[in-house]
Amino acid sequence: DYFSRMLYGIPDDTLQTVLNFFQQTNENISHIIEQE
């Protein structure tokens, strides 16, 4: 219910862009953690 309401009205292509953003930032964060 939370995700349904949170993502209401957001087009699929925008959701894919957000997922791509999180994948890239997760990769960057993994590098930061390893560097630390």
All heavy atoms as atom14 arrays in JSON, in Angstrom:
{
  "sequence": "DYFSRMLYGIPDDTLQTVLNFFQQTNENISHIIEQE",
  "atom14_mask": [
    [1, 1, 1, 1, 1, 1, 1, 1, 0, 0, 0, 0, 0, 0],
    [1, 1, 1, 1, 1, 1, 1, 1, 1, 1, 1, 1, 0, 0],
    [1, 1, 1, 1, 1, 1, 1, 1, 1, 1, 1, 0, 0, 0],
    [1, 1, 1, 1, 1, 1, 0, 0, 0, 0, 0, 0, 0, 0],
    [1, 1, 1, 1, 1, 1, 1, 1, 1, 1, 1, 0, 0, 0],
    [1, 1, 1, 1, 1, 1, 1, 1, 0, 0, 0, 0, 0, 0],
    [1, 1, 1, 1, 1, 1, 1, 1, 0, 0, 0, 0, 0, 0],
    [1, 1, 1, 1, 1, 1, 1, 1, 1, 1, 1, 1, 0, 0],
    [1, 1, 1, 1, 0, 0, 0, 0, 0, 0, 0, 0, 0, 0],
    [1, 1, 1, 1, 1, 1, 1, 1, 0, 0, 0, 0, 0, 0],
    [1, 1, 1, 1, 1, 1, 1, 0, 0, 0, 0, 0, 0, 0],
    [1, 1, 1, 1, 1, 1, 1, 1, 0, 0, 0, 0, 0, 0],
    [1, 1, 1, 1, 1, 1, 1, 1, 0, 0, 0, 0, 0, 0],
    [1, 1, 1, 1, 1, 1, 1, 0, 0, 0, 0, 0, 0, 0],
    [1, 1, 1, 1, 1, 1, 1, 1, 0, 0, 0, 0, 0, 0],
    [1, 1, 1, 1, 1, 1, 1, 1, 1, 0, 0, 0, 0, 0],
    [1, 1, 1, 1, 1, 1, 1, 0, 0, 0, 0, 0, 0, 0],
    [1, 1, 1, 1, 1, 1, 1, 0, 0, 0, 0, 0, 0, 0],
    [1, 1, 1, 1, 1, 1, 1, 1, 0, 0, 0, 0, 0, 0],
    [1, 1, 1, 1, 1, 1, 1, 1, 0, 0, 0, 0, 0, 0],
    [1, 1, 1, 1, 1, 1, 1, 1, 1, 1, 1, 0, 0, 0],
    [1, 1, 1, 1, 1, 1, 1, 1, 1, 1, 1, 0, 0, 0],
    [1, 1, 1, 1, 1, 1, 1, 1, 1, 0, 0, 0, 0, 0],
    [1, 1, 1, 1, 1, 1, 1, 1, 1, 0, 0, 0, 0, 0],
    [1, 1, 1, 1, 1, 1, 1, 0, 0, 0, 0, 0, 0, 0],
    [1, 1, 1, 1, 1, 1, 1, 1, 0, 0, 0, 0, 0, 0],
    [1, 1, 1, 1, 1, 1, 1, 1, 1, 0, 0, 0, 0, 0],
    [1, 1, 1, 1, 1, 1, 1, 1, 0, 0, 0, 0, 0, 0],
    [1, 1, 1, 1, 1, 1, 1, 1, 0, 0, 0, 0, 0, 0],
    [1, 1, 1, 1, 1, 1, 0, 0, 0, 0, 0, 0, 0, 0],
    [1, 1, 1, 1, 1, 1, 1, 1, 1, 1, 0, 0, 0, 0],
    [1, 1, 1, 1, 1, 1, 1, 1, 0, 0, 0, 0, 0, 0],
    [1, 1, 1, 1, 1, 1, 1, 1, 0, 0, 0, 0, 0, 0],
    [1, 1, 1, 1, 1, 1, 1, 1, 1, 0, 0, 0, 0, 0],
    [1, 1, 1, 1, 1, 1, 1, 1, 1, 0, 0, 0, 0, 0],
    [1, 1, 1, 1, 1, 1, 1, 1, 1, 0, 0, 0, 0, 0]
  ],
  "atom14_positions": [
    [[0.83, -1.2, 0.0], [0.0, 0.0, 0.0], [0.86, 1.26, 0.0], [0.6, 2.21, -0.74], [-0.93, 0.0, 1.22], [-1.81, 1.22, 1.26], [-2.58, 1.43, 0.3], [-1.72, 1.97, 2.26], [0.0, 0.0, 0.0], [0.0, 0.0, 0.0], [0.0, 0.0, 0.0], [0.0, 0.0, 0.0], [0.0, 0.0, 0.0], [0.0, 0.0, 0.0]],
    [[1.92, 1.25, 0.81], [2.83, 2.4, 0.87], [3.43, 2.69, -0.5], [3.38, 3.82, -0.98], [3.94, 2.15, 1.89], [5.03, 3.19, 1.85], [4.86, 4.45, 2.41], [6.25, 2.92, 1.22], [5.86, 5.41, 2.36], [7.25, 3.87, 1.18], [7.06, 5.11, 1.75], [8.05, 6.06, 1.69], [0.0, 0.0, 0.0], [0.0, 0.0, 0.0]],
    [[3.99, 1.67, -1.13], [4.64, 1.89, -2.43], [3.63, 2.25, -3.5], [3.92, 3.08, -4.37], [5.51, 0.7, -2.83], [6.83, 0.7, -2.12], [7.08, -0.17, -1.09], [7.81, 1.62, -2.47], [8.3, -0.16, -0.42], [9.03, 1.66, -1.8], [9.27, 0.76, -0.77], [0.0, 0.0, 0.0], [0.0, 0.0, 0.0], [0.0, 0.0, 0.0]],
    [[2.45, 1.68, -3.44], [1.41, 2.02, -4.4], [1.04, 3.5, -4.3], [0.94, 4.2, -5.31], [0.19, 1.15, -4.15], [-0.88, 1.54, -4.95], [0.0, 0.0, 0.0], [0.0, 0.0, 0.0], [0.0, 0.0, 0.0], [0.0, 0.0, 0.0], [0.0, 0.0, 0.0], [0.0, 0.0, 0.0], [0.0, 0.0, 0.0], [0.0, 0.0, 0.0]],
    [[0.87, 3.97, -3.07], [0.52, 5.38, -2.87], [1.69, 6.3, -3.16], [1.53, 7.38, -3.74], [0.01, 5.61, -1.45], [-1.35, 4.95, -1.22], [-1.97, 5.33, 0.1], [-1.22, 4.78, 1.22], [-1.3, 5.25, 2.47], [-2.07, 6.27, 2.75], [-0.6, 4.7, 3.43], [0.0, 0.0, 0.0], [0.0, 0.0, 0.0], [0.0, 0.0, 0.0]],
    [[2.89, 5.9, -2.76], [4.07, 6.74, -2.98], [4.37, 6.92, -4.47], [4.76, 7.99, -4.91], [5.29, 6.14, -2.28], [6.53, 7.02, -2.42], [7.99, 6.32, -1.65], [8.55, 5.2, -2.9], [0.0, 0.0, 0.0], [0.0, 0.0, 0.0], [0.0, 0.0, 0.0], [0.0, 0.0, 0.0], [0.0, 0.0, 0.0], [0.0, 0.0, 0.0]],
    [[4.19, 5.85, -5.24], [4.55, 5.88, -6.66], [3.38, 6.24, -7.57], [3.55, 6.25, -8.8], [5.15, 4.53, -7.06], [6.39, 4.11, -6.26], [6.82, 2.7, -6.65], [7.52, 5.1, -6.44], [0.0, 0.0, 0.0], [0.0, 0.0, 0.0], [0.0, 0.0, 0.0], [0.0, 0.0, 0.0], [0.0, 0.0, 0.0], [0.0, 0.0, 0.0]],
    [[2.24, 6.55, -6.99], [1.05, 6.86, -7.78], [1.33, 8.0, -8.76], [1.87, 9.04, -8.4], [-0.11, 7.26, -6.85], [-1.35, 7.65, -7.61], [-2.17, 6.68, -8.16], [-1.67, 8.98, -7.79], [-3.3, 7.03, -8.87], [-2.81, 9.35, -8.51], [-3.62, 8.36, -9.05], [-4.73, 8.71, -9.77], [0.0, 0.0, 0.0], [0.0, 0.0, 0.0]],
    [[0.96, 7.77, -10.01], [1.07, 8.81, -11.03], [2.45, 9.0, -11.63], [2.65, 9.87, -12.48], [0.0, 0.0, 0.0], [0.0, 0.0, 0.0], [0.0, 0.0, 0.0], [0.0, 0.0, 0.0], [0.0, 0.0, 0.0], [0.0, 0.0, 0.0], [0.0, 0.0, 0.0], [0.0, 0.0, 0.0], [0.0, 0.0, 0.0], [0.0, 0.0, 0.0]],
    [[3.42, 8.23, -11.19], [4.77, 8.37, -11.72], [4.92, 7.42, -12.91], [4.73, 6.22, -12.76], [5.83, 8.07, -10.64], [5.67, 9.05, -9.46], [7.24, 8.16, -11.23], [6.57, 8.75, -8.29], [0.0, 0.0, 0.0], [0.0, 0.0, 0.0], [0.0, 0.0, 0.0], [0.0, 0.0, 0.0], [0.0, 0.0, 0.0], [0.0, 0.0, 0.0]],
    [[5.25, 7.95, -14.09], [5.37, 7.1, -15.28], [6.51, 6.07, -15.14], [7.5, 6.29, -14.44], [5.7, 8.09, -16.4], [5.42, 9.45, -15.86], [5.49, 9.35, -14.37], [0.0, 0.0, 0.0], [0.0, 0.0, 0.0], [0.0, 0.0, 0.0], [0.0, 0.0, 0.0], [0.0, 0.0, 0.0], [0.0, 0.0, 0.0], [0.0, 0.0, 0.0]],
    [[6.35, 4.95, -15.83], [7.33, 3.86, -15.78], [8.73, 4.32, -16.17], [9.71, 3.89, -15.56], [6.91, 2.69, -16.68], [5.75, 1.92, -16.09], [5.47, 2.05, -14.89], [5.1, 1.16, -16.85], [0.0, 0.0, 0.0], [0.0, 0.0, 0.0], [0.0, 0.0, 0.0], [0.0, 0.0, 0.0], [0.0, 0.0, 0.0], [0.0, 0.0, 0.0]],
    [[8.84, 5.19, -17.17], [10.17, 5.63, -17.59], [10.85, 6.47, -16.5], [12.06, 6.41, -16.31], [10.14, 6.38, -18.93], [9.3, 7.65, -18.9], [8.32, 7.71, -18.13], [9.63, 8.58, -19.65], [0.0, 0.0, 0.0], [0.0, 0.0, 0.0], [0.0, 0.0, 0.0], [0.0, 0.0, 0.0], [0.0, 0.0, 0.0], [0.0, 0.0, 0.0]],
    [[10.07, 7.22, -15.74], [10.62, 7.98, -14.62], [11.08, 7.04, -13.52], [12.16, 7.23, -12.93], [9.59, 8.99, -14.08], [9.19, 9.87, -15.15], [10.15, 9.79, -12.93], [0.0, 0.0, 0.0], [0.0, 0.0, 0.0], [0.0, 0.0, 0.0], [0.0, 0.0, 0.0], [0.0, 0.0, 0.0], [0.0, 0.0, 0.0], [0.0, 0.0, 0.0]],
    [[10.28, 6.01, -13.24], [10.68, 5.01, -12.23], [11.97, 4.32, -12.63], [12.83, 4.08, -11.79], [9.56, 3.99, -12.03], [8.32, 4.49, -11.32], [7.25, 3.41, -11.28], [8.64, 4.96, -9.91], [0.0, 0.0, 0.0], [0.0, 0.0, 0.0], [0.0, 0.0, 0.0], [0.0, 0.0, 0.0], [0.0, 0.0, 0.0], [0.0, 0.0, 0.0]],
    [[12.12, 4.02, -13.92], [13.35, 3.39, -14.38], [14.55, 4.32, -14.19], [15.63, 3.88, -13.79], [13.24, 2.95, -15.84], [14.4, 2.12, -16.32], [14.62, 0.87, -15.47], [13.73, 0.07, -15.29], [15.83, 0.7, -14.95], [0.0, 0.0, 0.0], [0.0, 0.0, 0.0], [0.0, 0.0, 0.0], [0.0, 0.0, 0.0], [0.0, 0.0, 0.0]],
    [[14.36, 5.6, -14.43], [15.42, 6.58, -14.21], [15.81, 6.62, -12.74], [17.0, 6.66, -12.4], [14.97, 7.98, -14.69], [14.67, 7.92, -16.08], [16.04, 9.03, -14.43], [0.0, 0.0, 0.0], [0.0, 0.0, 0.0], [0.0, 0.0, 0.0], [0.0, 0.0, 0.0], [0.0, 0.0, 0.0], [0.0, 0.0, 0.0], [0.0, 0.0, 0.0]],
    [[14.82, 6.57, -11.86], [15.09, 6.57, -10.42], [15.86, 5.3, -10.03], [16.83, 5.37, -9.27], [13.77, 6.7, -9.61], [14.01, 6.45, -8.13], [13.15, 8.06, -9.83], [0.0, 0.0, 0.0], [0.0, 0.0, 0.0], [0.0, 0.0, 0.0], [0.0, 0.0, 0.0], [0.0, 0.0, 0.0], [0.0, 0.0, 0.0], [0.0, 0.0, 0.0]],
    [[15.45, 4.16, -10.56], [16.16, 2.91, -10.27], [17.6, 2.98, -10.76], [18.52, 2.53, -10.07], [15.44, 1.72, -10.9], [14.14, 1.31, -10.23], [13.44, 0.2, -11.04], [14.38, 0.86, -8.8], [0.0, 0.0, 0.0], [0.0, 0.0, 0.0], [0.0, 0.0, 0.0], [0.0, 0.0, 0.0], [0.0, 0.0, 0.0], [0.0, 0.0, 0.0]],
    [[17.8, 3.53, -11.95], [19.16, 3.7, -12.47], [19.98, 4.6, -11.55], [21.16, 4.34, -11.3], [19.13, 4.28, -13.89], [18.56, 3.31, -14.89], [18.48, 2.11, -14.66], [18.14, 3.84, -16.03], [0.0, 0.0, 0.0], [0.0, 0.0, 0.0], [0.0, 0.0, 0.0], [0.0, 0.0, 0.0], [0.0, 0.0, 0.0], [0.0, 0.0, 0.0]],
    [[19.36, 5.67, -11.07], [20.02, 6.58, -10.13], [20.48, 5.82, -8.89], [21.63, 5.93, -8.45], [19.05, 7.71, -9.74], [19.48, 8.49, -8.53], [20.43, 9.49, -8.62], [18.92, 8.22, -7.28], [20.83, 10.22, -7.5], [19.31, 8.94, -6.16], [20.26, 9.93, -6.27], [0.0, 0.0, 0.0], [0.0, 0.0, 0.0], [0.0, 0.0, 0.0]],
    [[19.57, 5.03, -8.3], [19.93, 4.29, -7.09], [21.0, 3.24, -7.36], [21.9, 3.05, -6.53], [18.7, 3.66, -6.45], [17.86, 4.65, -5.68], [16.54, 4.85, -6.01], [18.4, 5.38, -4.63], [15.76, 5.76, -5.31], [17.64, 6.3, -3.92], [16.32, 6.49, -4.26], [0.0, 0.0, 0.0], [0.0, 0.0, 0.0], [0.0, 0.0, 0.0]],
    [[20.94, 2.59, -8.49], [21.98, 1.6, -8.82], [23.34, 2.27, -8.91], [24.33, 1.76, -8.37], [21.64, 0.87, -10.12], [20.5, -0.1, -9.96], [20.0, -0.66, -11.28], [20.29, -0.14, -12.36], [19.21, -1.72, -11.21], [0.0, 0.0, 0.0], [0.0, 0.0, 0.0], [0.0, 0.0, 0.0], [0.0, 0.0, 0.0], [0.0, 0.0, 0.0]],
    [[23.41, 3.41, -9.56], [24.68, 4.12, -9.7], [25.18, 4.65, -8.36], [26.35, 4.52, -8.03], [24.57, 5.26, -10.71], [25.89, 5.97, -10.95], [26.95, 5.05, -11.54], [26.73, 4.47, -12.59], [28.1, 4.91, -10.87], [0.0, 0.0, 0.0], [0.0, 0.0, 0.0], [0.0, 0.0, 0.0], [0.0, 0.0, 0.0], [0.0, 0.0, 0.0]],
    [[24.25, 5.23, -7.57], [24.68, 5.75, -6.28], [25.1, 4.62, -5.34], [26.06, 4.77, -4.58], [23.61, 6.63, -5.61], [22.4, 5.89, -5.47], [23.36, 7.91, -6.38], [0.0, 0.0, 0.0], [0.0, 0.0, 0.0], [0.0, 0.0, 0.0], [0.0, 0.0, 0.0], [0.0, 0.0, 0.0], [0.0, 0.0, 0.0], [0.0, 0.0, 0.0]],
    [[24.43, 3.47, -5.42], [24.84, 2.32, -4.6], [26.24, 1.86, -4.98], [27.06, 1.54, -4.11], [23.85, 1.16, -4.76], [22.57, 1.38, -4.0], [22.47, 2.28, -3.16], [21.58, 0.57, -4.29], [0.0, 0.0, 0.0], [0.0, 0.0, 0.0], [0.0, 0.0, 0.0], [0.0, 0.0, 0.0], [0.0, 0.0, 0.0], [0.0, 0.0, 0.0]],
    [[26.53, 1.85, -6.25], [27.87, 1.48, -6.71], [28.9, 2.49, -6.19], [29.96, 2.09, -5.68], [27.89, 1.43, -8.24], [29.14, 0.83, -8.82], [29.06, 0.72, -10.34], [28.06, 0.2, -10.85], [30.01, 1.17, -10.99], [0.0, 0.0, 0.0], [0.0, 0.0, 0.0], [0.0, 0.0, 0.0], [0.0, 0.0, 0.0], [0.0, 0.0, 0.0]],
    [[28.57, 3.76, -6.29], [29.48, 4.8, -5.79], [29.68, 4.68, -4.28], [30.8, 4.82, -3.78], [28.94, 6.19, -6.13], [28.92, 6.46, -7.61], [29.52, 5.74, -8.41], [28.18, 7.49, -8.01], [0.0, 0.0, 0.0], [0.0, 0.0, 0.0], [0.0, 0.0, 0.0], [0.0, 0.0, 0.0], [0.0, 0.0, 0.0], [0.0, 0.0, 0.0]],
    [[28.59, 4.41, -3.55], [28.68, 4.27, -2.1], [29.53, 3.06, -1.74], [30.33, 3.12, -0.79], [27.27, 4.19, -1.48], [26.59, 5.56, -1.57], [27.32, 3.7, -0.04], [25.11, 5.55, -1.28], [0.0, 0.0, 0.0], [0.0, 0.0, 0.0], [0.0, 0.0, 0.0], [0.0, 0.0, 0.0], [0.0, 0.0, 0.0], [0.0, 0.0, 0.0]],
    [[29.39, 1.98, -2.47], [30.23, 0.8, -2.22], [31.71, 1.14, -2.38], [32.54, 0.7, -1.57], [29.86, -0.33, -3.18], [28.58, -0.8, -2.91], [0.0, 0.0, 0.0], [0.0, 0.0, 0.0], [0.0, 0.0, 0.0], [0.0, 0.0, 0.0], [0.0, 0.0, 0.0], [0.0, 0.0, 0.0], [0.0, 0.0, 0.0], [0.0, 0.0, 0.0]],
    [[32.02, 1.95, -3.38], [33.41, 2.4, -3.57], [33.87, 3.26, -2.39], [34.99, 3.12, -1.91], [33.57, 3.18, -4.87], [33.5, 2.35, -6.1], [34.4, 1.36, -6.41], [32.59, 2.35, -7.12], [34.07, 0.79, -7.55], [32.97, 1.37, -8.0], [0.0, 0.0, 0.0], [0.0, 0.0, 0.0], [0.0, 0.0, 0.0], [0.0, 0.0, 0.0]],
    [[32.99, 4.13, -1.92], [33.33, 4.99, -0.78], [33.62, 4.13, 0.45], [34.63, 4.35, 1.14], [32.18, 5.99, -0.48], [32.08, 7.02, -1.61], [32.39, 6.67, 0.88], [30.82, 7.88, -1.54], [0.0, 0.0, 0.0], [0.0, 0.0, 0.0], [0.0, 0.0, 0.0], [0.0, 0.0, 0.0], [0.0, 0.0, 0.0], [0.0, 0.0, 0.0]],
    [[32.77, 3.17, 0.71], [32.96, 2.3, 1.88], [34.28, 1.54, 1.76], [35.04, 1.47, 2.73], [31.77, 1.32, 2.03], [30.51, 2.11, 2.43], [32.08, 0.22, 3.04], [29.23, 1.3, 2.35], [0.0, 0.0, 0.0], [0.0, 0.0, 0.0], [0.0, 0.0, 0.0], [0.0, 0.0, 0.0], [0.0, 0.0, 0.0], [0.0, 0.0, 0.0]],
    [[34.56, 1.03, 0.59], [35.82, 0.3, 0.38], [37.02, 1.22, 0.56], [38.02, 0.84, 1.18], [35.84, -0.35, -1.0], [36.96, -1.33, -1.2], [36.97, -2.46, -0.17], [35.91, -2.96, 0.2], [38.08, -2.82, 0.27], [0.0, 0.0, 0.0], [0.0, 0.0, 0.0], [0.0, 0.0, 0.0], [0.0, 0.0, 0.0], [0.0, 0.0, 0.0]],
    [[36.91, 2.44, 0.06], [38.01, 3.41, 0.22], [38.24, 3.74, 1.68], [39.38, 3.84, 2.13], [37.7, 4.69, -0.56], [37.81, 4.52, -2.06], [37.29, 5.74, -2.81], [36.75, 6.66, -2.23], [37.47, 5.73, -4.12], [0.0, 0.0, 0.0], [0.0, 0.0, 0.0], [0.0, 0.0, 0.0], [0.0, 0.0, 0.0], [0.0, 0.0, 0.0]],
    [[37.15, 3.9, 2.44], [37.28, 4.21, 3.86], [37.94, 3.06, 4.61], [38.76, 3.28, 5.5], [35.92, 4.55, 4.47], [35.32, 5.84, 3.93], [36.2, 7.06, 4.13], [36.78, 7.22, 5.22], [36.32, 7.85, 3.18], [0.0, 0.0, 0.0], [0.0, 0.0, 0.0], [0.0, 0.0, 0.0], [0.0, 0.0, 0.0], [0.0, 0.0, 0.0]]
  ]
}
